[in-house]
Amino acid sequence: MNGQPLRVDALRNRQAILTAARELVAARGPEVGMDQIAAAADVAVGTLYRHFPAKKDLIEAIAADLVDGVGESLDAVLEAVENGTSSGLDALVALFRRVVIDLRQERLFRLAVTGVADESLREIQRRGRAAVERLVAAAHGDGALYPDVTADDVVLLLSAAPVEPMPEAERRRWLILMRRALTPP
């Protein structure tokens, strides 16, 4: 784009394209055609290409949205702990569910992460690590974690999260097991 703000209709078209692309790529994989994405977004193929000259550009835009979503999730759980509406442990579990379970199992997220610039990925990792450290400290303050549980332990659990799609009941079970690993009886 030329750096100028988008008109309302152009912004609406761009969002429709991103939404359609996210749904189609998640359902059918990255081989879905740009013409199929344009049709699903109810825009002309030329409109799609004006916004995203190549599929790579479209995937990168989706990746940027997903990265922003991870950042928003981190901010939300930290805010909930800071304003007292969530315990440190509940916030850790919410973070696990959103960032690890929901996103890691999304085909598009796995595809997008490979397209995220190293600097963006490092920033999310840095923010994630800082959030985990604060949440672990809050959970220790609540007496909700084993005393020897560290942020490194939580990061290890995060990295061991399932990456293949599974039914919701199995996701809930994984979260229960994760919580048991961290908390005293």
Protein backbone atom coordinates (compact mmCIF):
# COMPACT_ATOMS: atom_id res chain seq x y z
CA MET A 1 0.00 0.00 0.00
CA ASN A 2 1.11 3.59 -0.35
CA GLY A 3 1.08 4.51 3.36
CA GLN A 4 -2.12 6.55 3.14
CA PRO A 5 -5.03 5.62 5.42
CA LEU A 6 -7.50 3.24 3.82
CA ARG A 7 -11.01 4.40 2.95
CA VAL A 8 -13.78 2.82 4.99
CA ASP A 9 -14.81 0.49 2.14
CA ALA A 10 -11.19 -0.49 1.47
CA LEU A 11 -10.68 -1.21 5.16
CA ARG A 12 -13.85 -3.30 5.20
CA ASN A 13 -12.66 -5.23 2.12
CA ARG A 14 -9.24 -5.82 3.66
CA GLN A 15 -10.82 -7.17 6.85
CA ALA A 16 -13.20 -9.40 4.83
CA ILE A 17 -10.21 -10.78 2.90
CA LEU A 18 -8.26 -11.47 6.10
CA THR A 19 -11.25 -13.17 7.72
CA ALA A 20 -11.98 -15.32 4.68
CA ALA A 21 -8.32 -16.22 4.25
CA ARG A 22 -7.95 -17.20 7.88
CA GLU A 23 -11.01 -19.46 7.73
CA LEU A 24 -10.11 -21.05 4.39
CA VAL A 25 -6.43 -21.60 5.15
CA ALA A 26 -7.34 -23.06 8.54
CA ALA A 27 -9.87 -25.41 6.93
CA ARG A 28 -8.11 -26.35 3.69
CA GLY A 29 -4.46 -25.47 4.19
CA PRO A 30 -2.17 -22.96 2.51
CA GLU A 31 -2.83 -24.32 -0.96
CA VAL A 32 -6.26 -22.65 -1.07
CA GLY A 33 -6.46 -20.39 -4.11
CA MET A 34 -6.49 -16.62 -4.01
CA ASP A 35 -9.61 -16.70 -6.21
CA GLN A 36 -11.34 -18.87 -3.60
CA ILE A 37 -10.36 -16.40 -0.89
CA ALA A 38 -11.67 -13.47 -2.95
CA ALA A 39 -14.97 -15.27 -3.55
CA ALA A 40 -15.37 -16.10 0.14
CA ALA A 41 -14.62 -12.46 1.03
CA ASP A 42 -17.12 -11.30 -1.61
CA VAL A 43 -14.53 -9.08 -3.31
CA ALA A 44 -13.06 -9.06 -6.79
CA VAL A 45 -9.78 -10.90 -7.29
CA GLY A 46 -8.22 -7.57 -8.30
CA THR A 47 -9.27 -6.08 -4.96
CA LEU A 48 -7.58 -8.94 -3.13
CA TYR A 49 -4.36 -8.45 -5.12
CA ARG A 50 -4.39 -4.67 -4.51
CA HIS A 51 -4.31 -5.38 -0.78
CA PHE A 52 -2.07 -8.46 -0.95
CA PRO A 53 0.03 -8.77 -4.13
CA ALA A 54 1.04 -12.35 -3.25
CA LYS A 55 -0.28 -15.10 -0.99
CA LYS A 56 2.87 -14.66 1.10
CA ASP A 57 1.76 -11.09 1.87
CA LEU A 58 -1.66 -12.34 2.93
CA ILE A 59 -0.20 -15.05 5.19
CA GLU A 60 2.18 -12.49 6.72
CA ALA A 61 -0.75 -10.17 7.49
CA ILE A 62 -2.62 -13.03 9.15
CA ALA A 63 0.53 -13.93 11.11
CA ALA A 64 0.83 -10.33 12.29
CA ASP A 65 -2.80 -10.43 13.47
CA LEU A 66 -2.16 -13.69 15.34
CA VAL A 67 0.96 -12.26 16.97
CA ASP A 68 -1.05 -9.19 18.00
CA GLY A 69 -3.67 -11.54 19.45
CA VAL A 70 -1.04 -13.33 21.53
CA GLY A 71 0.15 -9.97 22.84
CA GLU A 72 -3.41 -8.98 23.71
CA SER A 73 -3.90 -12.30 25.54
CA LEU A 74 -0.74 -11.68 27.56
CA ASP A 75 -1.87 -8.16 28.42
CA ALA A 76 -5.35 -9.38 29.43
CA VAL A 77 -4.15 -12.06 31.85
CA LEU A 78 -1.63 -9.69 33.43
CA GLU A 79 -4.26 -7.00 33.83
CA ALA A 80 -6.67 -9.49 35.43
CA VAL A 81 -4.06 -10.39 38.05
CA GLU A 82 -3.05 -6.79 38.65
CA ASN A 83 -6.63 -5.60 39.17
CA GLY A 84 -7.50 -8.57 41.38
CA THR A 85 -10.11 -10.19 39.13
CA SER A 86 -7.97 -13.31 38.66
CA SER A 87 -5.50 -15.25 40.74
CA GLY A 88 -2.02 -15.89 39.40
CA LEU A 89 -2.82 -19.57 38.92
CA ASP A 90 -6.10 -18.92 37.11
CA ALA A 91 -4.31 -16.44 34.87
CA LEU A 92 -1.61 -19.04 34.10
CA VAL A 93 -4.28 -21.57 33.16
CA ALA A 94 -6.05 -18.97 30.99
CA LEU A 95 -2.75 -18.20 29.29
CA PHE A 96 -2.13 -21.91 28.70
CA ARG A 97 -5.58 -22.32 27.20
CA ARG A 98 -5.42 -19.31 24.89
CA VAL A 99 -1.84 -19.18 23.77
CA VAL A 100 -0.87 -22.81 23.92
CA ILE A 101 -3.90 -25.01 23.53
CA ASP A 102 -6.13 -22.91 21.30
CA LEU A 103 -3.46 -21.31 19.13
CA ARG A 104 -0.92 -24.12 18.85
CA GLN A 105 -3.59 -26.44 17.55
CA GLU A 106 -4.74 -24.01 14.93
CA ARG A 107 -3.23 -25.02 11.60
CA LEU A 108 -3.01 -21.42 10.53
CA PHE A 109 -1.03 -20.45 13.61
CA ARG A 110 1.55 -23.14 12.91
CA LEU A 111 1.78 -21.95 9.32
CA ALA A 112 1.91 -18.31 10.34
CA VAL A 113 4.65 -18.75 12.93
CA THR A 114 6.96 -19.94 10.18
CA GLY A 115 6.25 -16.68 8.36
CA VAL A 116 6.69 -14.36 11.32
CA ALA A 117 9.84 -12.27 11.17
CA ASP A 118 12.49 -13.33 13.66
CA GLU A 119 12.26 -10.00 15.45
CA SER A 120 8.46 -10.28 15.90
CA LEU A 121 8.80 -13.83 17.16
CA ARG A 122 11.55 -12.82 19.61
CA GLU A 123 9.36 -9.97 20.88
CA ILE A 124 6.44 -12.32 21.54
CA GLN A 125 8.79 -14.79 23.26
CA ARG A 126 10.23 -11.97 25.40
CA ARG A 127 6.76 -10.69 26.32
CA GLY A 128 5.56 -14.22 27.00
CA ARG A 129 8.51 -14.98 29.25
CA ALA A 130 8.02 -11.74 31.20
CA ALA A 131 4.30 -12.51 31.59
CA VAL A 132 5.01 -16.05 32.82
CA GLU A 133 7.51 -14.73 35.37
CA ARG A 134 4.96 -12.23 36.71
CA LEU A 135 2.18 -14.83 36.80
CA VAL A 136 4.39 -17.37 38.59
CA ALA A 137 5.33 -14.72 41.15
CA ALA A 138 1.64 -13.86 41.65
CA ALA A 139 0.69 -17.53 42.01
CA HIS A 140 3.50 -18.03 44.53
CA GLY A 141 2.19 -14.99 46.40
CA ASP A 142 -1.24 -16.66 46.51
CA GLY A 143 0.36 -19.91 47.74
CA ALA A 144 -1.15 -21.65 44.72
CA LEU A 145 2.03 -23.21 43.28
CA TYR A 146 4.52 -25.65 44.68
CA PRO A 147 7.27 -23.49 46.17
CA ASP A 148 9.93 -24.88 43.84
CA VAL A 149 7.98 -24.22 40.61
CA THR A 150 9.83 -21.66 38.49
CA ALA A 151 9.05 -19.74 35.33
CA ASP A 152 11.38 -22.20 33.57
CA ASP A 153 9.14 -25.07 34.69
CA VAL A 154 6.07 -23.32 33.31
CA VAL A 155 7.84 -22.58 30.02
CA LEU A 156 8.78 -26.28 29.84
CA LEU A 157 5.12 -27.23 30.28
CA LEU A 158 4.13 -24.69 27.66
CA SER A 159 6.59 -26.19 25.19
CA ALA A 160 5.21 -29.67 25.87
CA ALA A 161 1.65 -28.67 24.98
CA PRO A 162 -0.04 -30.75 22.30
CA VAL A 163 0.38 -29.40 18.80
CA GLU A 164 -2.03 -31.63 16.94
CA PRO A 165 -5.76 -30.86 17.00
CA MET A 166 -7.71 -32.77 19.62
CA PRO A 167 -11.24 -32.77 20.98
CA GLU A 168 -12.21 -30.20 23.58
CA ALA A 169 -12.50 -32.87 26.29
CA GLU A 170 -8.86 -33.83 25.75
CA ARG A 171 -7.81 -30.18 25.85
CA ARG A 172 -9.60 -29.74 29.17
CA ARG A 173 -7.91 -32.91 30.46
CA TRP A 174 -4.48 -31.57 29.44
CA LEU A 175 -5.18 -28.35 31.36
CA ILE A 176 -6.27 -30.31 34.43
CA LEU A 177 -3.08 -32.37 34.33
CA MET A 178 -0.97 -29.26 33.84
CA ARG A 179 -2.62 -27.57 36.80
CA ARG A 180 -2.06 -30.65 38.98
CA ALA A 181 1.62 -30.66 38.06
CA LEU A 182 2.00 -27.12 39.37
CA THR A 183 -0.23 -27.03 42.44
CA PRO A 184 -0.08 -28.73 45.81
CA PRO A 185 -3.04 -30.90 46.80
